[in-house]
Amino acid sequence: QELYDPFKDDCVMEYQEEAEQRWGNTEAYMQSMQRIQKMTKGEMEKMK
């Protein structure tokens, strides 16, 4: 959910679901989810 914060939109869940549907089986999506898991909230905020 934090990944989609830059959109600051009520449709965050929709974006999340769409991304997972479109790219969920791709290497890029899986890499992204693995890398996000390793980030702290502070690191995520700094990146944003």
All heavy atoms as atom14 arrays in JSON, in Angstrom:
{
  "sequence": "QELYDPFKDDCVMEYQEEAEQRWGNTEAYMQSMQRIQKMTKGEMEKMK",
  "atom14_mask": [
    [1, 1, 1, 1, 1, 1, 1, 1, 1, 0, 0, 0, 0, 0],
    [1, 1, 1, 1, 1, 1, 1, 1, 1, 0, 0, 0, 0, 0],
    [1, 1, 1, 1, 1, 1, 1, 1, 0, 0, 0, 0, 0, 0],
    [1, 1, 1, 1, 1, 1, 1, 1, 1, 1, 1, 1, 0, 0],
    [1, 1, 1, 1, 1, 1, 1, 1, 0, 0, 0, 0, 0, 0],
    [1, 1, 1, 1, 1, 1, 1, 0, 0, 0, 0, 0, 0, 0],
    [1, 1, 1, 1, 1, 1, 1, 1, 1, 1, 1, 0, 0, 0],
    [1, 1, 1, 1, 1, 1, 1, 1, 1, 0, 0, 0, 0, 0],
    [1, 1, 1, 1, 1, 1, 1, 1, 0, 0, 0, 0, 0, 0],
    [1, 1, 1, 1, 1, 1, 1, 1, 0, 0, 0, 0, 0, 0],
    [1, 1, 1, 1, 1, 1, 0, 0, 0, 0, 0, 0, 0, 0],
    [1, 1, 1, 1, 1, 1, 1, 0, 0, 0, 0, 0, 0, 0],
    [1, 1, 1, 1, 1, 1, 1, 1, 0, 0, 0, 0, 0, 0],
    [1, 1, 1, 1, 1, 1, 1, 1, 1, 0, 0, 0, 0, 0],
    [1, 1, 1, 1, 1, 1, 1, 1, 1, 1, 1, 1, 0, 0],
    [1, 1, 1, 1, 1, 1, 1, 1, 1, 0, 0, 0, 0, 0],
    [1, 1, 1, 1, 1, 1, 1, 1, 1, 0, 0, 0, 0, 0],
    [1, 1, 1, 1, 1, 1, 1, 1, 1, 0, 0, 0, 0, 0],
    [1, 1, 1, 1, 1, 0, 0, 0, 0, 0, 0, 0, 0, 0],
    [1, 1, 1, 1, 1, 1, 1, 1, 1, 0, 0, 0, 0, 0],
    [1, 1, 1, 1, 1, 1, 1, 1, 1, 0, 0, 0, 0, 0],
    [1, 1, 1, 1, 1, 1, 1, 1, 1, 1, 1, 0, 0, 0],
    [1, 1, 1, 1, 1, 1, 1, 1, 1, 1, 1, 1, 1, 1],
    [1, 1, 1, 1, 0, 0, 0, 0, 0, 0, 0, 0, 0, 0],
    [1, 1, 1, 1, 1, 1, 1, 1, 0, 0, 0, 0, 0, 0],
    [1, 1, 1, 1, 1, 1, 1, 0, 0, 0, 0, 0, 0, 0],
    [1, 1, 1, 1, 1, 1, 1, 1, 1, 0, 0, 0, 0, 0],
    [1, 1, 1, 1, 1, 0, 0, 0, 0, 0, 0, 0, 0, 0],
    [1, 1, 1, 1, 1, 1, 1, 1, 1, 1, 1, 1, 0, 0],
    [1, 1, 1, 1, 1, 1, 1, 1, 0, 0, 0, 0, 0, 0],
    [1, 1, 1, 1, 1, 1, 1, 1, 1, 0, 0, 0, 0, 0],
    [1, 1, 1, 1, 1, 1, 0, 0, 0, 0, 0, 0, 0, 0],
    [1, 1, 1, 1, 1, 1, 1, 1, 0, 0, 0, 0, 0, 0],
    [1, 1, 1, 1, 1, 1, 1, 1, 1, 0, 0, 0, 0, 0],
    [1, 1, 1, 1, 1, 1, 1, 1, 1, 1, 1, 0, 0, 0],
    [1, 1, 1, 1, 1, 1, 1, 1, 0, 0, 0, 0, 0, 0],
    [1, 1, 1, 1, 1, 1, 1, 1, 1, 0, 0, 0, 0, 0],
    [1, 1, 1, 1, 1, 1, 1, 1, 1, 0, 0, 0, 0, 0],
    [1, 1, 1, 1, 1, 1, 1, 1, 0, 0, 0, 0, 0, 0],
    [1, 1, 1, 1, 1, 1, 1, 0, 0, 0, 0, 0, 0, 0],
    [1, 1, 1, 1, 1, 1, 1, 1, 1, 0, 0, 0, 0, 0],
    [1, 1, 1, 1, 0, 0, 0, 0, 0, 0, 0, 0, 0, 0],
    [1, 1, 1, 1, 1, 1, 1, 1, 1, 0, 0, 0, 0, 0],
    [1, 1, 1, 1, 1, 1, 1, 1, 0, 0, 0, 0, 0, 0],
    [1, 1, 1, 1, 1, 1, 1, 1, 1, 0, 0, 0, 0, 0],
    [1, 1, 1, 1, 1, 1, 1, 1, 1, 0, 0, 0, 0, 0],
    [1, 1, 1, 1, 1, 1, 1, 1, 0, 0, 0, 0, 0, 0],
    [1, 1, 1, 1, 1, 1, 1, 1, 1, 0, 0, 0, 0, 0]
  ],
  "atom14_positions": [
    [[0.83, -1.2, 0.0], [0.0, 0.0, 0.0], [0.87, 1.25, 0.0], [0.59, 2.21, -0.7], [-0.93, 0.0, 1.22], [-2.04, -1.02, 1.11], [-2.79, -1.2, 2.4], [-2.33, -0.8, 3.47], [-3.95, -1.83, 2.32], [0.0, 0.0, 0.0], [0.0, 0.0, 0.0], [0.0, 0.0, 0.0], [0.0, 0.0, 0.0], [0.0, 0.0, 0.0]],
    [[1.95, 1.24, 0.78], [2.85, 2.38, 0.86], [3.5, 2.65, -0.5], [3.78, 3.8, -0.84], [3.91, 2.15, 1.92], [3.37, 2.19, 3.32], [4.39, 1.82, 4.37], [5.59, 1.78, 4.06], [3.97, 1.56, 5.5], [0.0, 0.0, 0.0], [0.0, 0.0, 0.0], [0.0, 0.0, 0.0], [0.0, 0.0, 0.0], [0.0, 0.0, 0.0]],
    [[3.72, 1.61, -1.28], [4.31, 1.77, -2.61], [3.43, 2.66, -3.48], [3.93, 3.41, -4.3], [4.49, 0.4, -3.26], [5.05, 0.34, -4.66], [6.49, 0.88, -4.68], [5.03, -1.08, -5.18], [0.0, 0.0, 0.0], [0.0, 0.0, 0.0], [0.0, 0.0, 0.0], [0.0, 0.0, 0.0], [0.0, 0.0, 0.0], [0.0, 0.0, 0.0]],
    [[2.13, 2.62, -3.26], [1.2, 3.37, -4.1], [0.87, 4.74, -3.52], [0.1, 5.49, -4.11], [-0.08, 2.56, -4.32], [0.18, 1.31, -5.14], [0.45, 0.1, -4.52], [0.19, 1.38, -6.52], [0.71, -1.03, -5.27], [0.45, 0.24, -7.27], [0.71, -0.96, -6.63], [0.98, -2.08, -7.38], [0.0, 0.0, 0.0], [0.0, 0.0, 0.0]],
    [[1.43, 5.1, -2.38], [1.14, 6.37, -1.74], [1.35, 7.59, -2.63], [0.63, 8.57, -2.48], [1.97, 6.55, -0.46], [1.35, 5.84, 0.72], [0.23, 5.31, 0.6], [2.01, 5.8, 1.78], [0.0, 0.0, 0.0], [0.0, 0.0, 0.0], [0.0, 0.0, 0.0], [0.0, 0.0, 0.0], [0.0, 0.0, 0.0], [0.0, 0.0, 0.0]],
    [[2.33, 7.61, -3.55], [2.5, 8.82, -4.33], [1.24, 9.24, -5.09], [1.06, 10.41, -5.41], [3.62, 8.46, -5.32], [4.4, 7.44, -4.6], [3.39, 6.65, -3.82], [0.0, 0.0, 0.0], [0.0, 0.0, 0.0], [0.0, 0.0, 0.0], [0.0, 0.0, 0.0], [0.0, 0.0, 0.0], [0.0, 0.0, 0.0], [0.0, 0.0, 0.0]],
    [[0.33, 8.3, -5.35], [-0.89, 8.66, -6.05], [-1.88, 9.37, -5.15], [-2.75, 10.08, -5.62], [-1.55, 7.4, -6.65], [-0.74, 6.82, -7.76], [0.0, 5.67, -7.56], [-0.7, 7.42, -9.0], [0.75, 5.12, -8.58], [0.05, 6.89, -10.03], [0.77, 5.73, -9.81], [0.0, 0.0, 0.0], [0.0, 0.0, 0.0], [0.0, 0.0, 0.0]],
    [[-1.74, 9.17, -3.81], [-2.62, 9.82, -2.82], [-4.07, 9.8, -3.32], [-4.71, 10.82, -3.45], [-2.14, 11.23, -2.53], [-0.82, 11.23, -1.81], [-0.46, 12.6, -1.34], [0.79, 12.67, -0.54], [1.9, 11.88, -0.88], [0.0, 0.0, 0.0], [0.0, 0.0, 0.0], [0.0, 0.0, 0.0], [0.0, 0.0, 0.0], [0.0, 0.0, 0.0]],
    [[-4.56, 8.63, -3.59], [-5.85, 8.43, -4.21], [-6.64, 7.43, -3.39], [-6.06, 6.58, -2.72], [-5.62, 7.9, -5.64], [-6.84, 7.94, -6.5], [-7.84, 7.31, -6.11], [-6.79, 8.57, -7.55], [0.0, 0.0, 0.0], [0.0, 0.0, 0.0], [0.0, 0.0, 0.0], [0.0, 0.0, 0.0], [0.0, 0.0, 0.0], [0.0, 0.0, 0.0]],
    [[-7.95, 7.5, -3.44], [-8.79, 6.54, -2.74], [-8.75, 5.16, -3.38], [-9.26, 4.21, -2.82], [-10.23, 7.03, -2.7], [-10.4, 8.28, -1.85], [-9.59, 8.48, -0.93], [-11.33, 9.05, -2.12], [0.0, 0.0, 0.0], [0.0, 0.0, 0.0], [0.0, 0.0, 0.0], [0.0, 0.0, 0.0], [0.0, 0.0, 0.0], [0.0, 0.0, 0.0]],
    [[-8.15, 5.03, -4.54], [-8.17, 3.77, -5.29], [-6.9, 2.96, -5.12], [-6.54, 2.17, -5.99], [-8.4, 4.07, -6.77], [-9.92, 4.95, -7.09], [0.0, 0.0, 0.0], [0.0, 0.0, 0.0], [0.0, 0.0, 0.0], [0.0, 0.0, 0.0], [0.0, 0.0, 0.0], [0.0, 0.0, 0.0], [0.0, 0.0, 0.0], [0.0, 0.0, 0.0]],
    [[-6.21, 3.11, -3.99], [-4.94, 2.4, -3.78], [-5.11, 0.9, -3.94], [-4.32, 0.24, -4.6], [-4.33, 2.76, -2.41], [-3.14, 1.87, -2.09], [-3.92, 4.21, -2.38], [0.0, 0.0, 0.0], [0.0, 0.0, 0.0], [0.0, 0.0, 0.0], [0.0, 0.0, 0.0], [0.0, 0.0, 0.0], [0.0, 0.0, 0.0], [0.0, 0.0, 0.0]],
    [[-6.16, 0.36, -3.33], [-6.39, -1.08, -3.42], [-6.61, -1.5, -4.87], [-6.13, -2.53, -5.3], [-7.59, -1.5, -2.55], [-7.34, -1.36, -1.07], [-5.96, -2.37, -0.47], [-6.66, -3.99, -0.6], [0.0, 0.0, 0.0], [0.0, 0.0, 0.0], [0.0, 0.0, 0.0], [0.0, 0.0, 0.0], [0.0, 0.0, 0.0], [0.0, 0.0, 0.0]],
    [[-7.31, -0.68, -5.61], [-7.54, -0.97, -7.03], [-6.22, -1.0, -7.79], [-5.99, -1.88, -8.61], [-8.47, 0.09, -7.63], [-8.78, -0.11, -9.09], [-9.62, 1.01, -9.66], [-10.43, 1.6, -8.92], [-9.45, 1.32, -10.86], [0.0, 0.0, 0.0], [0.0, 0.0, 0.0], [0.0, 0.0, 0.0], [0.0, 0.0, 0.0], [0.0, 0.0, 0.0]],
    [[-5.32, -0.06, -7.52], [-4.02, -0.04, -8.18], [-3.21, -1.29, -7.83], [-2.58, -1.89, -8.68], [-3.21, 1.2, -7.78], [-3.82, 2.52, -8.15], [-3.58, 3.64, -7.37], [-4.63, 2.66, -9.27], [-4.13, 4.87, -7.7], [-5.19, 3.88, -9.59], [-4.93, 4.99, -8.81], [-5.47, 6.19, -9.14], [0.0, 0.0, 0.0], [0.0, 0.0, 0.0]],
    [[-3.26, -1.63, -6.53], [-2.53, -2.81, -6.07], [-3.03, -4.06, -6.78], [-2.24, -4.86, -7.28], [-2.78, -3.0, -4.57], [-1.62, -2.7, -3.7], [-2.0, -3.0, -2.28], [-2.66, -2.19, -1.64], [-1.6, -4.13, -1.79], [0.0, 0.0, 0.0], [0.0, 0.0, 0.0], [0.0, 0.0, 0.0], [0.0, 0.0, 0.0], [0.0, 0.0, 0.0]],
    [[-4.34, -4.22, -6.81], [-4.93, -5.39, -7.45], [-4.63, -5.42, -8.94], [-4.33, -6.47, -9.5], [-6.44, -5.43, -7.2], [-6.78, -5.73, -5.76], [-8.25, -5.53, -5.42], [-9.06, -5.32, -6.36], [-8.58, -5.59, -4.22], [0.0, 0.0, 0.0], [0.0, 0.0, 0.0], [0.0, 0.0, 0.0], [0.0, 0.0, 0.0], [0.0, 0.0, 0.0]],
    [[-4.71, -4.27, -9.58], [-4.42, -4.19, -11.01], [-2.96, -4.58, -11.29], [-2.69, -5.36, -12.21], [-4.67, -2.77, -11.54], [-4.35, -2.63, -13.0], [-4.5, -1.2, -13.5], [-5.06, -0.34, -12.78], [-4.05, -0.95, -14.63], [0.0, 0.0, 0.0], [0.0, 0.0, 0.0], [0.0, 0.0, 0.0], [0.0, 0.0, 0.0], [0.0, 0.0, 0.0]],
    [[-2.05, -4.06, -10.5], [-0.63, -4.39, -10.69], [-0.4, -5.89, -10.51], [0.3, -6.52, -11.31], [0.24, -3.6, -9.72], [0.0, 0.0, 0.0], [0.0, 0.0, 0.0], [0.0, 0.0, 0.0], [0.0, 0.0, 0.0], [0.0, 0.0, 0.0], [0.0, 0.0, 0.0], [0.0, 0.0, 0.0], [0.0, 0.0, 0.0], [0.0, 0.0, 0.0]],
    [[-1.04, -6.45, -9.49], [-0.86, -7.88, -9.26], [-1.47, -8.7, -10.39], [-0.88, -9.69, -10.83], [-1.47, -8.28, -7.92], [-1.11, -9.68, -7.52], [-1.47, -9.99, -6.08], [-1.87, -9.08, -5.33], [-1.34, -11.17, -5.71], [0.0, 0.0, 0.0], [0.0, 0.0, 0.0], [0.0, 0.0, 0.0], [0.0, 0.0, 0.0], [0.0, 0.0, 0.0]],
    [[-2.63, -8.28, -10.89], [-3.26, -9.01, -12.0], [-2.43, -8.9, -13.28], [-2.26, -9.89, -13.99], [-4.67, -8.46, -12.27], [-5.69, -8.88, -11.25], [-7.04, -8.23, -11.49], [-7.19, -7.34, -12.31], [-8.04, -8.69, -10.75], [0.0, 0.0, 0.0], [0.0, 0.0, 0.0], [0.0, 0.0, 0.0], [0.0, 0.0, 0.0], [0.0, 0.0, 0.0]],
    [[-1.94, -7.71, -13.56], [-1.21, -7.5, -14.82], [0.19, -8.09, -14.8], [0.65, -8.64, -15.78], [-1.13, -5.99, -15.14], [-2.46, -5.38, -15.53], [-2.36, -3.91, -15.74], [-1.67, -3.63, -17.0], [-1.48, -2.4, -17.46], [-1.91, -1.36, -16.79], [-0.85, -2.23, -18.6], [0.0, 0.0, 0.0], [0.0, 0.0, 0.0], [0.0, 0.0, 0.0]],
    [[0.88, -7.92, -13.67], [2.3, -8.27, -13.65], [2.67, -9.27, -12.55], [3.84, -9.59, -12.38], [3.14, -7.01, -13.48], [2.92, -6.04, -14.59], [3.26, -6.21, -15.91], [2.31, -4.75, -14.51], [2.89, -5.11, -16.64], [2.3, -4.19, -15.81], [1.77, -4.01, -13.47], [1.78, -2.93, -16.08], [1.24, -2.76, -13.75], [1.26, -2.24, -15.04]],
    [[1.69, -9.76, -11.8], [1.95, -10.6, -10.65], [2.8, -11.83, -10.93], [3.51, -12.3, -10.05], [0.0, 0.0, 0.0], [0.0, 0.0, 0.0], [0.0, 0.0, 0.0], [0.0, 0.0, 0.0], [0.0, 0.0, 0.0], [0.0, 0.0, 0.0], [0.0, 0.0, 0.0], [0.0, 0.0, 0.0], [0.0, 0.0, 0.0], [0.0, 0.0, 0.0]],
    [[2.74, -12.35, -12.14], [3.51, -13.55, -12.48], [4.84, -13.23, -13.16], [5.52, -14.14, -13.62], [2.68, -14.47, -13.39], [1.49, -15.05, -12.65], [1.58, -15.33, -11.46], [0.39, -15.2, -13.34], [0.0, 0.0, 0.0], [0.0, 0.0, 0.0], [0.0, 0.0, 0.0], [0.0, 0.0, 0.0], [0.0, 0.0, 0.0], [0.0, 0.0, 0.0]],
    [[5.2, -11.96, -13.19], [6.44, -11.6, -13.87], [7.61, -11.56, -12.88], [7.42, -11.35, -11.67], [6.34, -10.21, -14.54], [6.18, -9.21, -13.52], [5.18, -10.16, -15.54], [0.0, 0.0, 0.0], [0.0, 0.0, 0.0], [0.0, 0.0, 0.0], [0.0, 0.0, 0.0], [0.0, 0.0, 0.0], [0.0, 0.0, 0.0], [0.0, 0.0, 0.0]],
    [[8.79, -11.73, -13.4], [10.01, -11.66, -12.6], [10.14, -10.27, -11.96], [10.5, -10.15, -10.78], [11.23, -11.96, -13.48], [12.55, -11.92, -12.75], [12.75, -13.11, -11.81], [12.12, -14.16, -12.02], [13.54, -12.96, -10.87], [0.0, 0.0, 0.0], [0.0, 0.0, 0.0], [0.0, 0.0, 0.0], [0.0, 0.0, 0.0], [0.0, 0.0, 0.0]],
    [[9.82, -9.24, -12.72], [9.94, -7.87, -12.22], [9.04, -7.65, -11.01], [9.45, -7.05, -10.0], [9.63, -6.86, -13.32], [0.0, 0.0, 0.0], [0.0, 0.0, 0.0], [0.0, 0.0, 0.0], [0.0, 0.0, 0.0], [0.0, 0.0, 0.0], [0.0, 0.0, 0.0], [0.0, 0.0, 0.0], [0.0, 0.0, 0.0], [0.0, 0.0, 0.0]],
    [[7.81, -8.1, -11.1], [6.87, -7.93, -9.99], [7.37, -8.68, -8.75], [7.36, -8.15, -7.64], [5.47, -8.41, -10.38], [4.43, -8.2, -9.31], [3.75, -6.99, -9.21], [4.13, -9.2, -8.39], [2.8, -6.79, -8.23], [3.18, -9.0, -7.4], [2.52, -7.8, -7.32], [1.59, -7.59, -6.34], [0.0, 0.0, 0.0], [0.0, 0.0, 0.0]],
    [[7.78, -9.91, -8.96], [8.26, -10.71, -7.83], [9.51, -10.09, -7.2], [9.63, -10.04, -5.97], [8.51, -12.16, -8.28], [7.2, -12.9, -8.55], [7.47, -14.62, -8.99], [7.27, -14.55, -10.75], [0.0, 0.0, 0.0], [0.0, 0.0, 0.0], [0.0, 0.0, 0.0], [0.0, 0.0, 0.0], [0.0, 0.0, 0.0], [0.0, 0.0, 0.0]],
    [[10.43, -9.59, -8.03], [11.63, -8.92, -7.5], [11.21, -7.71, -6.68], [11.74, -7.48, -5.59], [12.52, -8.43, -8.64], [13.45, -9.42, -9.2], [14.32, -8.78, -10.29], [14.05, -7.69, -10.78], [15.37, -9.49, -10.65], [0.0, 0.0, 0.0], [0.0, 0.0, 0.0], [0.0, 0.0, 0.0], [0.0, 0.0, 0.0], [0.0, 0.0, 0.0]],
    [[10.29, -6.94, -7.22], [9.85, -5.73, -6.54], [9.26, -6.04, -5.18], [9.59, -5.4, -4.17], [8.82, -5.01, -7.42], [8.37, -3.84, -6.79], [0.0, 0.0, 0.0], [0.0, 0.0, 0.0], [0.0, 0.0, 0.0], [0.0, 0.0, 0.0], [0.0, 0.0, 0.0], [0.0, 0.0, 0.0], [0.0, 0.0, 0.0], [0.0, 0.0, 0.0]],
    [[8.4, -7.03, -5.12], [7.79, -7.4, -3.84], [8.84, -7.91, -2.86], [8.79, -7.57, -1.67], [6.69, -8.44, -4.05], [5.46, -7.92, -4.78], [4.65, -6.53, -3.95], [5.18, -5.13, -4.94], [0.0, 0.0, 0.0], [0.0, 0.0, 0.0], [0.0, 0.0, 0.0], [0.0, 0.0, 0.0], [0.0, 0.0, 0.0], [0.0, 0.0, 0.0]],
    [[9.82, -8.68, -3.32], [10.87, -9.16, -2.44], [11.71, -8.01, -1.92], [12.08, -7.98, -0.74], [11.77, -10.15, -3.18], [11.12, -11.49, -3.44], [11.97, -12.39, -4.33], [12.98, -11.98, -4.9], [11.55, -13.64, -4.47], [0.0, 0.0, 0.0], [0.0, 0.0, 0.0], [0.0, 0.0, 0.0], [0.0, 0.0, 0.0], [0.0, 0.0, 0.0]],
    [[12.02, -7.06, -2.76], [12.85, -5.93, -2.34], [12.1, -5.02, -1.39], [12.69, -4.48, -0.44], [13.37, -5.18, -3.56], [14.37, -6.04, -4.34], [14.84, -5.39, -5.61], [15.72, -6.32, -6.35], [16.24, -6.03, -7.53], [16.01, -4.87, -8.11], [17.01, -6.92, -8.13], [0.0, 0.0, 0.0], [0.0, 0.0, 0.0], [0.0, 0.0, 0.0]],
    [[10.81, -4.83, -1.62], [10.01, -4.01, -0.72], [9.97, -4.63, 0.67], [10.02, -3.92, 1.68], [8.58, -3.82, -1.28], [8.62, -2.87, -2.48], [7.63, -3.28, -0.22], [7.32, -2.79, -3.23], [0.0, 0.0, 0.0], [0.0, 0.0, 0.0], [0.0, 0.0, 0.0], [0.0, 0.0, 0.0], [0.0, 0.0, 0.0], [0.0, 0.0, 0.0]],
    [[9.88, -5.95, 0.71], [9.81, -6.64, 2.0], [11.03, -6.35, 2.88], [10.93, -6.37, 4.09], [9.7, -8.16, 1.79], [8.39, -8.59, 1.21], [7.22, -8.17, 2.07], [7.24, -8.33, 3.28], [6.2, -7.6, 1.44], [0.0, 0.0, 0.0], [0.0, 0.0, 0.0], [0.0, 0.0, 0.0], [0.0, 0.0, 0.0], [0.0, 0.0, 0.0]],
    [[12.16, -6.09, 2.25], [13.4, -5.85, 2.99], [13.54, -4.41, 3.47], [14.43, -4.1, 4.25], [14.6, -6.22, 2.12], [14.65, -7.71, 1.8], [15.78, -8.04, 0.87], [15.76, -9.51, 0.5], [16.77, -9.85, -0.5], [0.0, 0.0, 0.0], [0.0, 0.0, 0.0], [0.0, 0.0, 0.0], [0.0, 0.0, 0.0], [0.0, 0.0, 0.0]],
    [[12.66, -3.53, 3.01], [12.76, -2.12, 3.36], [12.06, -1.83, 4.68], [10.99, -2.37, 4.96], [12.13, -1.26, 2.26], [12.87, -1.27, 0.95], [12.0, -0.31, -0.32], [12.28, 1.34, 0.3], [0.0, 0.0, 0.0], [0.0, 0.0, 0.0], [0.0, 0.0, 0.0], [0.0, 0.0, 0.0], [0.0, 0.0, 0.0], [0.0, 0.0, 0.0]],
    [[12.65, -0.93, 5.45], [11.98, -0.43, 6.64], [11.03, 0.7, 6.22], [11.16, 1.25, 5.11], [12.98, 0.12, 7.66], [13.61, 1.29, 7.11], [14.02, -0.92, 8.05], [0.0, 0.0, 0.0], [0.0, 0.0, 0.0], [0.0, 0.0, 0.0], [0.0, 0.0, 0.0], [0.0, 0.0, 0.0], [0.0, 0.0, 0.0], [0.0, 0.0, 0.0]],
    [[10.13, 1.04, 7.09], [9.21, 2.16, 6.81], [10.02, 3.45, 6.59], [9.72, 4.22, 5.7], [8.21, 2.33, 7.95], [7.16, 3.36, 7.65], [6.07, 3.35, 8.69], [5.08, 4.46, 8.46], [4.0, 4.1, 7.59], [0.0, 0.0, 0.0], [0.0, 0.0, 0.0], [0.0, 0.0, 0.0], [0.0, 0.0, 0.0], [0.0, 0.0, 0.0]],
    [[11.07, 3.64, 7.36], [11.92, 4.82, 7.21], [12.61, 4.86, 5.85], [12.68, 5.92, 5.22], [0.0, 0.0, 0.0], [0.0, 0.0, 0.0], [0.0, 0.0, 0.0], [0.0, 0.0, 0.0], [0.0, 0.0, 0.0], [0.0, 0.0, 0.0], [0.0, 0.0, 0.0], [0.0, 0.0, 0.0], [0.0, 0.0, 0.0], [0.0, 0.0, 0.0]],
    [[13.1, 3.72, 5.42], [13.74, 3.65, 4.1], [12.74, 3.93, 2.99], [13.05, 4.63, 2.02], [14.36, 2.26, 3.88], [15.58, 1.99, 4.72], [16.02, 0.54, 4.69], [15.18, -0.37, 4.48], [17.24, 0.31, 4.88], [0.0, 0.0, 0.0], [0.0, 0.0, 0.0], [0.0, 0.0, 0.0], [0.0, 0.0, 0.0], [0.0, 0.0, 0.0]],
    [[11.52, 3.43, 3.17], [10.48, 3.66, 2.18], [10.12, 5.15, 2.11], [9.97, 5.72, 1.03], [9.27, 2.8, 2.5], [8.29, 2.68, 1.36], [7.11, 1.36, 1.7], [7.93, 0.03, 0.84], [0.0, 0.0, 0.0], [0.0, 0.0, 0.0], [0.0, 0.0, 0.0], [0.0, 0.0, 0.0], [0.0, 0.0, 0.0], [0.0, 0.0, 0.0]],
    [[10.0, 5.76, 3.28], [9.68, 7.2, 3.32], [10.79, 8.02, 2.65], [10.51, 8.95, 1.89], [9.48, 7.67, 4.77], [8.16, 7.25, 5.36], [6.96, 7.79, 4.6], [6.99, 8.97, 4.17], [5.99, 7.03, 4.43], [0.0, 0.0, 0.0], [0.0, 0.0, 0.0], [0.0, 0.0, 0.0], [0.0, 0.0, 0.0], [0.0, 0.0, 0.0]],
    [[12.03, 7.68, 2.95], [13.16, 8.4, 2.35], [13.15, 8.24, 0.83], [13.38, 9.2, 0.1], [14.48, 7.89, 2.93], [15.68, 8.66, 2.45], [16.95, 8.2, 3.12], [18.12, 9.02, 2.57], [19.38, 8.64, 3.17], [0.0, 0.0, 0.0], [0.0, 0.0, 0.0], [0.0, 0.0, 0.0], [0.0, 0.0, 0.0], [0.0, 0.0, 0.0]],
    [[12.84, 7.03, 0.35], [12.8, 6.8, -1.08], [11.68, 7.61, -1.73], [11.87, 8.21, -2.79], [12.61, 5.32, -1.38], [12.55, 5.02, -2.87], [12.69, 3.29, -3.22], [14.48, 3.15, -3.1], [0.0, 0.0, 0.0], [0.0, 0.0, 0.0], [0.0, 0.0, 0.0], [0.0, 0.0, 0.0], [0.0, 0.0, 0.0], [0.0, 0.0, 0.0]],
    [[10.51, 7.68, -1.08], [9.4, 8.46, -1.62], [9.75, 9.95, -1.66], [9.45, 10.63, -2.63], [8.13, 8.24, -0.8], [7.5, 6.89, -1.08], [6.12, 6.78, -0.48], [6.18, 6.54, 0.98], [4.87, 6.28, 1.6], [0.0, 0.0, 0.0], [0.0, 0.0, 0.0], [0.0, 0.0, 0.0], [0.0, 0.0, 0.0], [0.0, 0.0, 0.0]]
  ]
}
